Amino acid sequence: MLGRTGIEVSRLCLGTMTWGSQNTEAEGHAQADMAVDHGVTFWDTAEMYPTNPVRAETVGDTEAIIGSWLAARGGRDRLVIATKITGAGQMAVRDGAPITGAGMRAAVEASLRRMGTDYIDLYQLHWPNRGSYHFRQAWRFQPRVRDRAEVVAHMLEVLETARDLIAEGKIRAIGLSNESVWGAGLWLSLAEAHGLPRMASVQNEYSLLCRQFDTDWCEFSMIEDMPLLAFSPLAAGLLAGKYAPDVTPAGTRRSFTPDLGGRITPQVFPAVAAYQAIAARHGLDACQMAIAFCLQRPFPCIPIIGATSLPQLAVNIGAAGVVLSEAVMAEIGQAHRLHPAPF
């Protein structure tokens, strides 16, 4: 269940951000077909996709590919579709404008048109106007906004807009992404105090190599019924073992983004080797082990799986049937102590 929304989703979520950049429309459709055939009916996208890189001329193309698939295949009610409004500072979308109630309404309408649907199941804020510590920003993080009243006014405006959009049937639920525990707590308290929609979920990065969620967020997620939609559970492909310091296969994400968004560091390859070795010792596929790890966390966790080929997608979907033993989990714990923050 997706938090307290009453919406039931598949255990895995299909990520689509490569559709329109690393993947053609036809390849995106083929991935969509495979996902549905295997019961992966929860899909995640965003108005600014495709990415790697984000470009003004391609903004919205991923949603349009989803729309053309829906037009060809039908069956919108089979899917739970999540998309996002872009946060402040992304110049390719609305010249980097921050999230506002009016901007959110316009973005919802545009996403509906591109996808050719009457409603969005989960509408997420891609990142907060306040900024965040995600995407390697934790190393130099300083909160930009100190005025609580300003934050509260913004949150109420967004929640009131969400209330109206839900009443109009254009969205079913609202959620967060790249958010902090403090931010999520304030969103929930304001919603409760004012009778406004409750943030349903949070989409933050989480993998064997990025475990910021394991402390305060873990507690908050469990107690407040706010599931984690874990993006980059394979750490942008690092955990597949396909990269080395001097190895970048053609057509891979690293060929477009050489540092993988700050994930390439001197520490990362020894960490990857440690997890690869655990998988090998126990006869596991390393990608499936990484995704299965997310599925076995104590907090509610839905990994977002992405792929650039059908064989990759098939492997990742297969993780849903993998259960890691106590011995594997113990070795993962030991490796985490040795490599706690490789990027």
C-alpha atoms as a PDB file:
ATOM      1  CA  MET A   1       0.000   0.000   0.000  1.00  0.00           C
ATOM      2  CA  LEU A   2       1.228   3.498  -0.811  1.00  0.00           C
ATOM      3  CA  GLY A   3       1.213   4.909   2.700  1.00  0.00           C
ATOM      4  CA  ARG A   4      -2.292   5.919   3.803  1.00  0.00           C
ATOM      5  CA  THR A   5      -3.586   6.731   0.309  1.00  0.00           C
ATOM      6  CA  GLY A   6      -5.502   3.509  -0.269  1.00  0.00           C
ATOM      7  CA  ILE A   7      -3.532   3.094  -3.507  1.00  0.00           C
ATOM      8  CA  GLU A   8      -1.985  -0.345  -4.007  1.00  0.00           C
ATOM      9  CA  VAL A   9       1.236  -0.500  -6.030  1.00  0.00           C
ATOM     10  CA  SER A  10       3.611  -3.165  -7.303  1.00  0.00           C
ATOM     11  CA  ARG A  11       6.640  -4.038  -5.144  1.00  0.00           C
ATOM     12  CA  LEU A  12       8.931  -2.567  -7.790  1.00  0.00           C
ATOM     13  CA  CYS A  13       8.508   0.749  -9.579  1.00  0.00           C
ATOM     14  CA  LEU A  14       9.582   1.263 -13.188  1.00  0.00           C
ATOM     15  CA  GLY A  15      11.834   4.275 -13.700  1.00  0.00           C
ATOM     16  CA  THR A  16      11.526   5.930 -17.109  1.00  0.00           C
ATOM     17  CA  MET A  17      14.016   8.793 -17.138  1.00  0.00           C
ATOM     18  CA  THR A  18      16.099   7.319 -19.993  1.00  0.00           C
ATOM     19  CA  TRP A  19      13.165   7.234 -22.408  1.00  0.00           C
ATOM     20  CA  GLY A  20      13.897   9.922 -24.965  1.00  0.00           C
ATOM     21  CA  SER A  21      17.641  10.131 -24.345  1.00  0.00           C
ATOM     22  CA  GLN A  22      19.436   6.795 -23.879  1.00  0.00           C
ATOM     23  CA  ASN A  23      16.321   4.988 -25.100  1.00  0.00           C
ATOM     24  CA  THR A  24      14.203   5.637 -28.162  1.00  0.00           C
ATOM     25  CA  GLU A  25      10.411   5.775 -28.049  1.00  0.00           C
ATOM     26  CA  ALA A  26      10.235   2.207 -29.390  1.00  0.00           C
ATOM     27  CA  GLU A  27      12.657   0.995 -26.701  1.00  0.00           C
ATOM     28  CA  GLY A  28      10.628   2.778 -24.037  1.00  0.00           C
ATOM     29  CA  HIS A  29       7.481   1.052 -25.288  1.00  0.00           C
ATOM     30  CA  ALA A  30       9.238  -2.325 -25.191  1.00  0.00           C
ATOM     31  CA  GLN A  31      10.306  -1.723 -21.585  1.00  0.00           C
ATOM     32  CA  ALA A  32       6.752  -0.700 -20.722  1.00  0.00           C
ATOM     33  CA  ASP A  33       5.400  -3.903 -22.286  1.00  0.00           C
ATOM     34  CA  MET A  34       7.847  -6.066 -20.355  1.00  0.00           C
ATOM     35  CA  ALA A  35       7.078  -4.282 -17.101  1.00  0.00           C
ATOM     36  CA  VAL A  36       3.336  -4.763 -17.449  1.00  0.00           C
ATOM     37  CA  ASP A  37       3.782  -8.400 -18.485  1.00  0.00           C
ATOM     38  CA  HIS A  38       5.653  -8.995 -15.204  1.00  0.00           C
ATOM     39  CA  GLY A  39       3.259  -7.042 -12.985  1.00  0.00           C
ATOM     40  CA  VAL A  40       5.383  -3.906 -12.597  1.00  0.00           C
ATOM     41  CA  THR A  41       2.484  -1.463 -12.891  1.00  0.00           C
ATOM     42  CA  PHE A  42       3.815   1.391 -10.728  1.00  0.00           C
ATOM     43  CA  TRP A  43       5.747   3.804 -12.980  1.00  0.00           C
ATOM     44  CA  ASP A  44       7.720   6.913 -12.105  1.00  0.00           C
ATOM     45  CA  THR A  45       8.494   9.859 -14.364  1.00  0.00           C
ATOM     46  CA  ALA A  46       8.904  13.643 -14.149  1.00  0.00           C
ATOM     47  CA  GLU A  47       8.113  16.683 -16.235  1.00  0.00           C
ATOM     48  CA  MET A  48      11.823  17.421 -16.772  1.00  0.00           C
ATOM     49  CA  TYR A  49      12.703  13.922 -18.060  1.00  0.00           C
ATOM     50  CA  PRO A  50      14.576  12.556 -19.960  1.00  0.00           C
ATOM     51  CA  THR A  51      17.785  13.180 -18.097  1.00  0.00           C
ATOM     52  CA  ASN A  52      21.521  12.589 -18.535  1.00  0.00           C
ATOM     53  CA  PRO A  53      21.500  15.388 -19.327  1.00  0.00           C
ATOM     54  CA  VAL A  54      18.364  17.472 -18.843  1.00  0.00           C
ATOM     55  CA  ARG A  55      17.929  19.709 -21.895  1.00  0.00           C
ATOM     56  CA  ALA A  56      15.308  22.345 -22.604  1.00  0.00           C
ATOM     57  CA  GLU A  57      14.589  20.803 -26.011  1.00  0.00           C
ATOM     58  CA  THR A  58      13.777  17.369 -24.517  1.00  0.00           C
ATOM     59  CA  VAL A  59      11.887  18.391 -21.361  1.00  0.00           C
ATOM     60  CA  GLY A  60       8.616  16.454 -21.259  1.00  0.00           C
ATOM     61  CA  ASP A  61       9.633  13.849 -23.840  1.00  0.00           C
ATOM     62  CA  THR A  62       9.511  10.946 -21.381  1.00  0.00           C
ATOM     63  CA  GLU A  63       5.942  11.761 -20.388  1.00  0.00           C
ATOM     64  CA  ALA A  64       5.088  12.010 -24.103  1.00  0.00           C
ATOM     65  CA  ILE A  65       6.493   8.496 -24.662  1.00  0.00           C
ATOM     66  CA  ILE A  66       4.320   7.200 -21.831  1.00  0.00           C
ATOM     67  CA  GLY A  67       1.424   8.980 -23.503  1.00  0.00           C
ATOM     68  CA  SER A  68       2.078   7.342 -26.871  1.00  0.00           C
ATOM     69  CA  TRP A  69       2.318   3.936 -25.178  1.00  0.00           C
ATOM     70  CA  LEU A  70      -1.028   4.513 -23.443  1.00  0.00           C
ATOM     71  CA  ALA A  71      -2.574   5.626 -26.733  1.00  0.00           C
ATOM     72  CA  ALA A  72      -1.353   2.448 -28.440  1.00  0.00           C
ATOM     73  CA  ARG A  73      -1.993  -0.062 -25.641  1.00  0.00           C
ATOM     74  CA  GLY A  74      -4.823   1.437 -23.585  1.00  0.00           C
ATOM     75  CA  GLY A  75      -5.562   0.214 -20.077  1.00  0.00           C
ATOM     76  CA  ARG A  76      -4.697   3.342 -18.085  1.00  0.00           C
ATOM     77  CA  ASP A  77      -6.422   1.803 -15.064  1.00  0.00           C
ATOM     78  CA  ARG A  78      -3.787  -0.960 -15.004  1.00  0.00           C
ATOM     79  CA  LEU A  79      -1.140   1.550 -13.983  1.00  0.00           C
ATOM     80  CA  VAL A  80      -0.247   3.735 -11.033  1.00  0.00           C
ATOM     81  CA  ILE A  81       1.640   6.657 -12.574  1.00  0.00           C
ATOM     82  CA  ALA A  82       3.803   9.010 -10.517  1.00  0.00           C
ATOM     83  CA  THR A  83       5.296  12.189 -11.928  1.00  0.00           C
ATOM     84  CA  LYS A  84       6.898  15.319 -10.498  1.00  0.00           C
ATOM     85  CA  ILE A  85       7.015  19.085 -10.701  1.00  0.00           C
ATOM     86  CA  THR A  86      10.577  20.343 -11.132  1.00  0.00           C
ATOM     87  CA  GLY A  87      12.133  22.143  -8.170  1.00  0.00           C
ATOM     88  CA  ALA A  88      13.730  25.562  -8.087  1.00  0.00           C
ATOM     89  CA  GLY A  89      16.935  26.170 -10.034  1.00  0.00           C
ATOM     90  CA  GLN A  90      16.541  23.832 -13.027  1.00  0.00           C
ATOM     91  CA  MET A  91      16.891  26.372 -15.811  1.00  0.00           C
ATOM     92  CA  ALA A  92      15.568  24.027 -18.498  1.00  0.00           C
ATOM     93  CA  VAL A  93      12.111  24.154 -16.894  1.00  0.00           C
ATOM     94  CA  ARG A  94      10.321  27.494 -16.410  1.00  0.00           C
ATOM     95  CA  ASP A  95      13.696  29.251 -16.270  1.00  0.00           C
ATOM     96  CA  GLY A  96      14.409  27.739 -12.874  1.00  0.00           C
ATOM     97  CA  ALA A  97      11.297  29.097 -11.170  1.00  0.00           C
ATOM     98  CA  PRO A  98      10.520  27.781  -7.686  1.00  0.00           C
ATOM     99  CA  ILE A  99       7.471  25.647  -6.970  1.00  0.00           C
ATOM    100  CA  THR A 100       4.297  27.685  -6.413  1.00  0.00           C
ATOM    101  CA  GLY A 101       0.627  26.834  -6.343  1.00  0.00           C
ATOM    102  CA  ALA A 102       0.056  28.397  -9.766  1.00  0.00           C
ATOM    103  CA  GLY A 103       3.150  26.754 -11.211  1.00  0.00           C
ATOM    104  CA  MET A 104       2.053  23.398  -9.837  1.00  0.00           C
ATOM    105  CA  ARG A 105      -1.372  23.664 -11.433  1.00  0.00           C
ATOM    106  CA  ALA A 106       0.159  24.564 -14.809  1.00  0.00           C
ATOM    107  CA  ALA A 107       2.673  21.715 -14.530  1.00  0.00           C
ATOM    108  CA  VAL A 108      -0.057  19.192 -13.714  1.00  0.00           C
ATOM    109  CA  GLU A 109      -2.091  20.301 -16.720  1.00  0.00           C
ATOM    110  CA  ALA A 110       0.962  19.997 -18.992  1.00  0.00           C
ATOM    111  CA  SER A 111       1.824  16.520 -17.685  1.00  0.00           C
ATOM    112  CA  LEU A 112      -1.766  15.375 -18.219  1.00  0.00           C
ATOM    113  CA  ARG A 113      -1.655  16.577 -21.820  1.00  0.00           C
ATOM    114  CA  ARG A 114       1.672  14.916 -22.584  1.00  0.00           C
ATOM    115  CA  MET A 115       0.612  11.580 -21.102  1.00  0.00           C
ATOM    116  CA  GLY A 116      -2.893  11.743 -22.578  1.00  0.00           C
ATOM    117  CA  THR A 117      -4.525  10.901 -19.282  1.00  0.00           C
ATOM    118  CA  ASP A 118      -7.178  12.498 -17.097  1.00  0.00           C
ATOM    119  CA  TYR A 119      -5.373  11.943 -13.812  1.00  0.00           C
ATOM    120  CA  ILE A 120      -2.000  11.427 -12.133  1.00  0.00           C
ATOM    121  CA  ASP A 121      -1.921   8.908  -9.294  1.00  0.00           C
ATOM    122  CA  LEU A 122       0.993  10.400  -7.334  1.00  0.00           C
ATOM    123  CA  TYR A 123       2.222  13.940  -7.894  1.00  0.00           C
ATOM    124  CA  GLN A 124       5.609  14.649  -6.306  1.00  0.00           C
ATOM    125  CA  LEU A 125       7.688  17.752  -5.607  1.00  0.00           C
ATOM    126  CA  HIS A 126      11.008  16.877  -7.276  1.00  0.00           C
ATOM    127  CA  TRP A 127      13.010  18.749  -4.631  1.00  0.00           C
ATOM    128  CA  PRO A 128      12.097  21.443  -2.108  1.00  0.00           C
ATOM    129  CA  ASN A 129      12.433  25.158  -2.797  1.00  0.00           C
ATOM    130  CA  ARG A 130      14.636  25.263   0.301  1.00  0.00           C
ATOM    131  CA  GLY A 131      17.279  23.161  -1.427  1.00  0.00           C
ATOM    132  CA  SER A 132      18.476  19.887   0.064  1.00  0.00           C
ATOM    133  CA  TYR A 133      21.451  17.780   1.085  1.00  0.00           C
ATOM    134  CA  HIS A 134      20.821  15.154  -1.607  1.00  0.00           C
ATOM    135  CA  PHE A 135      22.914  14.517  -4.728  1.00  0.00           C
ATOM    136  CA  ARG A 136      26.220  14.799  -2.835  1.00  0.00           C
ATOM    137  CA  GLN A 137      25.303  18.197  -1.420  1.00  0.00           C
ATOM    138  CA  ALA A 138      25.539  16.830   2.140  1.00  0.00           C
ATOM    139  CA  TRP A 139      29.291  17.447   2.173  1.00  0.00           C
ATOM    140  CA  ARG A 140      28.745  21.207   2.127  1.00  0.00           C
ATOM    141  CA  PHE A 141      25.112  21.487   3.227  1.00  0.00           C
ATOM    142  CA  GLN A 142      23.906  24.711   4.777  1.00  0.00           C
ATOM    143  CA  PRO A 143      20.145  25.354   4.889  1.00  0.00           C
ATOM    144  CA  ARG A 144      19.359  28.322   2.654  1.00  0.00           C
ATOM    145  CA  VAL A 145      16.087  29.370   4.294  1.00  0.00           C
ATOM    146  CA  ARG A 146      15.935  30.437   7.930  1.00  0.00           C
ATOM    147  CA  ASP A 147      12.459  32.052   7.881  1.00  0.00           C
ATOM    148  CA  ARG A 148      10.014  29.414   9.123  1.00  0.00           C
ATOM    149  CA  ALA A 149       6.992  31.574   8.316  1.00  0.00           C
ATOM    150  CA  GLU A 150       8.086  31.750   4.677  1.00  0.00           C
ATOM    151  CA  VAL A 151       8.379  27.965   4.507  1.00  0.00           C
ATOM    152  CA  VAL A 152       4.999  27.471   6.155  1.00  0.00           C
ATOM    153  CA  ALA A 153       3.272  29.881   3.768  1.00  0.00           C
ATOM    154  CA  HIS A 154       4.761  28.059   0.769  1.00  0.00           C
ATOM    155  CA  MET A 155       3.770  24.631   2.086  1.00  0.00           C
ATOM    156  CA  LEU A 156       0.197  25.731   2.776  1.00  0.00           C
ATOM    157  CA  GLU A 157      -0.083  27.162  -0.732  1.00  0.00           C
ATOM    158  CA  VAL A 158       1.095  23.871  -2.250  1.00  0.00           C
ATOM    159  CA  LEU A 159      -1.186  21.769  -0.035  1.00  0.00           C
ATOM    160  CA  GLU A 160      -4.186  23.946  -0.810  1.00  0.00           C
ATOM    161  CA  THR A 161      -3.472  23.598  -4.531  1.00  0.00           C
ATOM    162  CA  ALA A 162      -3.153  19.825  -4.076  1.00  0.00           C
ATOM    163  CA  ARG A 163      -6.515  19.776  -2.283  1.00  0.00           C
ATOM    164  CA  ASP A 164      -8.128  21.543  -5.232  1.00  0.00           C
ATOM    165  CA  LEU A 165      -6.451  19.292  -7.815  1.00  0.00           C
ATOM    166  CA  ILE A 166      -7.573  16.192  -5.905  1.00  0.00           C
ATOM    167  CA  ALA A 167     -11.130  17.541  -5.722  1.00  0.00           C
ATOM    168  CA  GLU A 168     -11.014  18.091  -9.499  1.00  0.00           C
ATOM    169  CA  GLY A 169      -9.848  14.498 -10.048  1.00  0.00           C
ATOM    170  CA  LYS A 170      -6.572  15.547 -11.655  1.00  0.00           C
ATOM    171  CA  ILE A 171      -4.307  13.974  -9.031  1.00  0.00           C
ATOM    172  CA  ARG A 172      -5.030  11.264  -6.479  1.00  0.00           C
ATOM    173  CA  ALA A 173      -2.212  11.865  -3.988  1.00  0.00           C
ATOM    174  CA  ILE A 174       0.772  14.115  -3.404  1.00  0.00           C
ATOM    175  CA  GLY A 175       4.288  13.162  -2.360  1.00  0.00           C
ATOM    176  CA  LEU A 176       7.820  14.381  -1.723  1.00  0.00           C
ATOM    177  CA  SER A 177      11.236  13.814  -3.255  1.00  0.00           C
ATOM    178  CA  ASN A 178      14.771  14.728  -2.150  1.00  0.00           C
ATOM    179  CA  GLU A 179      13.292  15.944   1.122  1.00  0.00           C
ATOM    180  CA  SER A 180      14.578  16.034   4.710  1.00  0.00           C
ATOM    181  CA  VAL A 181      12.988  14.627   7.855  1.00  0.00           C
ATOM    182  CA  TRP A 182      12.371  18.162   9.150  1.00  0.00           C
ATOM    183  CA  GLY A 183      10.652  19.132   5.929  1.00  0.00           C
ATOM    184  CA  ALA A 184       8.519  16.004   5.828  1.00  0.00           C
ATOM    185  CA  GLY A 185       7.495  16.481   9.458  1.00  0.00           C
ATOM    186  CA  LEU A 186       6.352  20.035   8.790  1.00  0.00           C
ATOM    187  CA  TRP A 187       4.403  18.983   5.681  1.00  0.00           C
ATOM    188  CA  LEU A 188       2.542  16.374   7.736  1.00  0.00           C
ATOM    189  CA  SER A 189       1.852  18.613  10.712  1.00  0.00           C
ATOM    190  CA  LEU A 190       0.470  21.402   8.508  1.00  0.00           C
ATOM    191  CA  ALA A 191      -1.734  18.969   6.605  1.00  0.00           C
ATOM    192  CA  GLU A 192      -3.157  17.599   9.856  1.00  0.00           C
ATOM    193  CA  ALA A 193      -3.676  21.028  11.427  1.00  0.00           C
ATOM    194  CA  HIS A 194      -5.445  22.478   8.373  1.00  0.00           C
ATOM    195  CA  GLY A 195      -7.295  19.455   7.030  1.00  0.00           C
ATOM    196  CA  LEU A 196      -5.204  19.371   3.863  1.00  0.00           C
ATOM    197  CA  PRO A 197      -3.811  16.424   1.824  1.00  0.00           C
ATOM    198  CA  ARG A 198      -1.161  14.336   3.531  1.00  0.00           C
ATOM    199  CA  MET A 199       2.168  13.766   1.803  1.00  0.00           C
ATOM    200  CA  ALA A 200       1.992  10.105   0.857  1.00  0.00           C
ATOM    201  CA  SER A 201       5.586   9.100   0.173  1.00  0.00           C
ATOM    202  CA  VAL A 202       9.128  10.321  -0.299  1.00  0.00           C
ATOM    203  CA  GLN A 203      11.439   9.595  -3.226  1.00  0.00           C
ATOM    204  CA  ASN A 204      15.059   9.797  -2.068  1.00  0.00           C
ATOM    205  CA  GLU A 205      18.212   8.089  -3.246  1.00  0.00           C
ATOM    206  CA  TYR A 206      18.913   4.779  -1.537  1.00  0.00           C
ATOM    207  CA  SER A 207      21.226   1.871  -2.287  1.00  0.00           C
ATOM    208  CA  LEU A 208      23.958  -0.252  -0.759  1.00  0.00           C
ATOM    209  CA  LEU A 209      26.268   2.705  -1.462  1.00  0.00           C
ATOM    210  CA  CYS A 210      23.937   5.521  -0.323  1.00  0.00           C
ATOM    211  CA  ARG A 211      22.271   4.853   3.012  1.00  0.00           C
ATOM    212  CA  GLN A 212      21.318   8.281   4.346  1.00  0.00           C
ATOM    213  CA  PHE A 213      17.795   6.957   4.947  1.00  0.00           C
ATOM    214  CA  ASP A 214      18.853   4.428   7.577  1.00  0.00           C
ATOM    215  CA  THR A 215      18.607   6.612  10.707  1.00  0.00           C
ATOM    216  CA  ASP A 216      16.158   9.481  11.274  1.00  0.00           C
ATOM    217  CA  TRP A 217      14.361   8.881   7.998  1.00  0.00           C
ATOM    218  CA  CYS A 218      13.954   5.178   8.791  1.00  0.00           C
ATOM    219  CA  GLU A 219      12.194   5.980  12.067  1.00  0.00           C
ATOM    220  CA  PHE A 220      10.037   8.671  10.471  1.00  0.00           C
ATOM    221  CA  SER A 221       9.064   6.454   7.539  1.00  0.00           C
ATOM    222  CA  MET A 222       7.985   3.573   9.748  1.00  0.00           C
ATOM    223  CA  ILE A 223       6.059   5.589  12.321  1.00  0.00           C
ATOM    224  CA  GLU A 224       4.404   7.966   9.870  1.00  0.00           C
ATOM    225  CA  ASP A 225       3.618   5.367   7.174  1.00  0.00           C
ATOM    226  CA  MET A 226       5.600   7.274   4.545  1.00  0.00           C
ATOM    227  CA  PRO A 227       7.134   4.747   2.121  1.00  0.00           C
ATOM    228  CA  LEU A 228      10.475   5.374   0.478  1.00  0.00           C
ATOM    229  CA  LEU A 229      10.500   5.250  -3.304  1.00  0.00           C
ATOM    230  CA  ALA A 230      14.185   4.405  -3.576  1.00  0.00           C
ATOM    231  CA  PHE A 231      15.786   5.873  -6.663  1.00  0.00           C
ATOM    232  CA  SER A 232      19.156   4.665  -7.983  1.00  0.00           C
ATOM    233  CA  PRO A 233      19.086   1.344  -6.079  1.00  0.00           C
ATOM    234  CA  LEU A 234      21.977   0.262  -8.323  1.00  0.00           C
ATOM    235  CA  ALA A 235      23.841   3.545  -7.701  1.00  0.00           C
ATOM    236  CA  ALA A 236      23.543   4.622 -11.342  1.00  0.00           C
ATOM    237  CA  GLY A 237      24.850   1.238 -12.496  1.00  0.00           C
ATOM    238  CA  LEU A 238      27.906   1.104 -10.241  1.00  0.00           C
ATOM    239  CA  LEU A 239      26.610  -1.922  -8.334  1.00  0.00           C
ATOM    240  CA  ALA A 240      26.288  -3.842 -11.599  1.00  0.00           C
ATOM    241  CA  GLY A 241      30.092  -3.871 -11.693  1.00  0.00           C
ATOM    242  CA  LYS A 242      30.258  -2.620 -15.276  1.00  0.00           C
ATOM    243  CA  TYR A 243      32.500   0.343 -14.480  1.00  0.00           C
ATOM    244  CA  ALA A 244      36.102   0.569 -13.361  1.00  0.00           C
ATOM    245  CA  PRO A 245      38.233   3.685 -12.864  1.00  0.00           C
ATOM    246  CA  ASP A 246      39.315   3.496 -16.512  1.00  0.00           C
ATOM    247  CA  VAL A 247      36.378   1.497 -17.945  1.00  0.00           C
ATOM    248  CA  THR A 248      33.211   3.140 -19.297  1.00  0.00           C
ATOM    249  CA  PRO A 249      31.205   0.964 -21.685  1.00  0.00           C
ATOM    250  CA  ALA A 250      29.809   2.823 -24.692  1.00  0.00           C
ATOM    251  CA  GLY A 251      26.241   4.050 -24.369  1.00  0.00           C
ATOM    252  CA  THR A 252      26.143   3.725 -20.599  1.00  0.00           C
ATOM    253  CA  ARG A 253      25.082   6.510 -18.264  1.00  0.00           C
ATOM    254  CA  ARG A 254      28.706   7.287 -17.408  1.00  0.00           C
ATOM    255  CA  SER A 255      29.452   7.965 -21.070  1.00  0.00           C
ATOM    256  CA  PHE A 256      26.982  10.869 -20.824  1.00  0.00           C
ATOM    257  CA  THR A 257      27.777  11.876 -17.230  1.00  0.00           C
ATOM    258  CA  PRO A 258      31.432  10.976 -16.540  1.00  0.00           C
ATOM    259  CA  ASP A 259      31.298  11.424 -12.756  1.00  0.00           C
ATOM    260  CA  LEU A 260      27.824   9.832 -12.444  1.00  0.00           C
ATOM    261  CA  GLY A 261      26.556  12.864 -10.565  1.00  0.00           C
ATOM    262  CA  GLY A 262      29.456  12.853  -8.110  1.00  0.00           C
ATOM    263  CA  ARG A 263      29.336   9.116  -7.459  1.00  0.00           C
ATOM    264  CA  ILE A 264      32.760   8.393  -9.001  1.00  0.00           C
ATOM    265  CA  THR A 265      35.284   8.749  -6.180  1.00  0.00           C
ATOM    266  CA  PRO A 266      38.478   6.940  -5.129  1.00  0.00           C
ATOM    267  CA  GLN A 267      36.425   5.174  -2.446  1.00  0.00           C
ATOM    268  CA  VAL A 268      33.593   3.862  -4.587  1.00  0.00           C
ATOM    269  CA  PHE A 269      35.285   1.067  -6.512  1.00  0.00           C
ATOM    270  CA  PRO A 270      36.580  -0.776  -3.412  1.00  0.00           C
ATOM    271  CA  ALA A 271      33.038  -0.590  -2.012  1.00  0.00           C
ATOM    272  CA  VAL A 272      31.570  -1.955  -5.234  1.00  0.00           C
ATOM    273  CA  ALA A 273      34.137  -4.774  -5.205  1.00  0.00           C
ATOM    274  CA  ALA A 274      33.087  -5.705  -1.661  1.00  0.00           C
ATOM    275  CA  TYR A 275      29.431  -6.062  -2.636  1.00  0.00           C
ATOM    276  CA  GLN A 276      30.298  -7.867  -5.862  1.00  0.00           C
ATOM    277  CA  ALA A 277      32.289 -10.362  -3.812  1.00  0.00           C
ATOM    278  CA  ILE A 278      29.355 -10.989  -1.453  1.00  0.00           C
ATOM    279  CA  ALA A 279      27.069 -11.696  -4.399  1.00  0.00           C
ATOM    280  CA  ALA A 280      29.622 -14.047  -5.956  1.00  0.00           C
ATOM    281  CA  ARG A 281      30.155 -15.990  -2.718  1.00  0.00           C
ATOM    282  CA  HIS A 282      26.431 -16.640  -2.417  1.00  0.00           C
ATOM    283  CA  GLY A 283      25.664 -17.297  -6.071  1.00  0.00           C
ATOM    284  CA  LEU A 284      23.611 -14.146  -6.468  1.00  0.00           C
ATOM    285  CA  ASP A 285      23.329 -11.676  -9.298  1.00  0.00           C
ATOM    286  CA  ALA A 286      24.801  -8.445  -7.924  1.00  0.00           C
ATOM    287  CA  CYS A 287      21.994  -6.276  -9.295  1.00  0.00           C
ATOM    288  CA  GLN A 288      19.320  -8.531  -7.870  1.00  0.00           C
ATOM    289  CA  MET A 289      21.092  -8.602  -4.513  1.00  0.00           C
ATOM    290  CA  ALA A 290      21.189  -4.802  -4.422  1.00  0.00           C
ATOM    291  CA  ILE A 291      17.487  -4.452  -5.239  1.00  0.00           C
ATOM    292  CA  ALA A 292      16.453  -7.269  -2.902  1.00  0.00           C
ATOM    293  CA  PHE A 293      18.362  -5.514  -0.114  1.00  0.00           C
ATOM    294  CA  CYS A 294      16.095  -2.488  -0.576  1.00  0.00           C
ATOM    295  CA  LEU A 295      13.005  -4.709  -0.451  1.00  0.00           C
ATOM    296  CA  GLN A 296      14.117  -6.182   2.891  1.00  0.00           C
ATOM    297  CA  ARG A 297      14.614  -2.936   4.790  1.00  0.00           C
ATOM    298  CA  PRO A 298      12.636  -2.437   8.036  1.00  0.00           C
ATOM    299  CA  PHE A 299      10.939   0.649   6.594  1.00  0.00           C
ATOM    300  CA  PRO A 300       8.508   0.432   3.658  1.00  0.00           C
ATOM    301  CA  CYS A 301      10.687   0.636   0.557  1.00  0.00           C
ATOM    302  CA  ILE A 302       9.786   0.439  -3.145  1.00  0.00           C
ATOM    303  CA  PRO A 303      12.890   0.362  -5.364  1.00  0.00           C
ATOM    304  CA  ILE A 304      12.667   2.282  -8.639  1.00  0.00           C
ATOM    305  CA  ILE A 305      14.317   0.100 -11.253  1.00  0.00           C
ATOM    306  CA  GLY A 306      15.604   1.580 -14.504  1.00  0.00           C
ATOM    307  CA  ALA A 307      17.288   0.022 -17.502  1.00  0.00           C
ATOM    308  CA  THR A 308      18.537   0.858 -20.952  1.00  0.00           C
ATOM    309  CA  SER A 309      17.988  -2.640 -22.372  1.00  0.00           C
ATOM    310  CA  LEU A 310      15.403  -5.397 -22.018  1.00  0.00           C
ATOM    311  CA  PRO A 311      17.918  -7.932 -20.623  1.00  0.00           C
ATOM    312  CA  GLN A 312      18.862  -5.435 -17.888  1.00  0.00           C
ATOM    313  CA  LEU A 313      15.207  -4.840 -17.090  1.00  0.00           C
ATOM    314  CA  ALA A 314      14.472  -8.568 -16.918  1.00  0.00           C
ATOM    315  CA  VAL A 315      17.287  -9.075 -14.405  1.00  0.00           C
ATOM    316  CA  ASN A 316      16.100  -6.195 -12.272  1.00  0.00           C
ATOM    317  CA  ILE A 317      12.486  -7.368 -12.272  1.00  0.00           C
ATOM    318  CA  GLY A 318      13.731 -10.788 -11.189  1.00  0.00           C
ATOM    319  CA  ALA A 319      14.929  -9.255  -7.924  1.00  0.00           C
ATOM    320  CA  ALA A 320      11.334  -9.344  -6.688  1.00  0.00           C
ATOM    321  CA  GLY A 321      11.706 -13.101  -6.233  1.00  0.00           C
ATOM    322  CA  VAL A 322      15.033 -12.959  -4.364  1.00  0.00           C
ATOM    323  CA  VAL A 323      15.174 -13.223  -0.566  1.00  0.00           C
ATOM    324  CA  LEU A 324      18.546 -12.537   1.007  1.00  0.00           C
ATOM    325  CA  SER A 325      19.648 -14.896   3.772  1.00  0.00           C
ATOM    326  CA  GLU A 326      20.754 -13.798   7.226  1.00  0.00           C
ATOM    327  CA  ALA A 327      24.316 -14.647   6.215  1.00  0.00           C
ATOM    328  CA  VAL A 328      24.153 -12.352   3.176  1.00  0.00           C
ATOM    329  CA  MET A 329      22.614  -9.554   5.227  1.00  0.00           C
ATOM    330  CA  ALA A 330      25.332  -9.952   7.864  1.00  0.00           C
ATOM    331  CA  GLU A 331      28.075  -9.672   5.242  1.00  0.00           C
ATOM    332  CA  ILE A 332      26.376  -6.612   3.754  1.00  0.00           C
ATOM    333  CA  GLY A 333      26.386  -5.089   7.228  1.00  0.00           C
ATOM    334  CA  GLN A 334      30.104  -5.731   7.568  1.00  0.00           C
ATOM    335  CA  ALA A 335      30.811  -4.219   4.163  1.00  0.00           C
ATOM    336  CA  HIS A 336      28.781  -1.148   5.057  1.00  0.00           C
ATOM    337  CA  ARG A 337      30.871  -0.585   8.173  1.00  0.00           C
ATOM    338  CA  LEU A 338      34.020  -0.709   6.052  1.00  0.00           C
ATOM    339  CA  HIS A 339      32.608   1.474   3.263  1.00  0.00           C
ATOM    340  CA  PRO A 340      30.002   3.688   4.944  1.00  0.00           C
ATOM    341  CA  ALA A 341      29.867   6.645   2.551  1.00  0.00           C
ATOM    342  CA  PRO A 342      31.811   5.913  -0.646  1.00  0.00           C
ATOM    343  CA  PHE A 343      30.391   8.967  -2.377  1.00  0.00           C
END
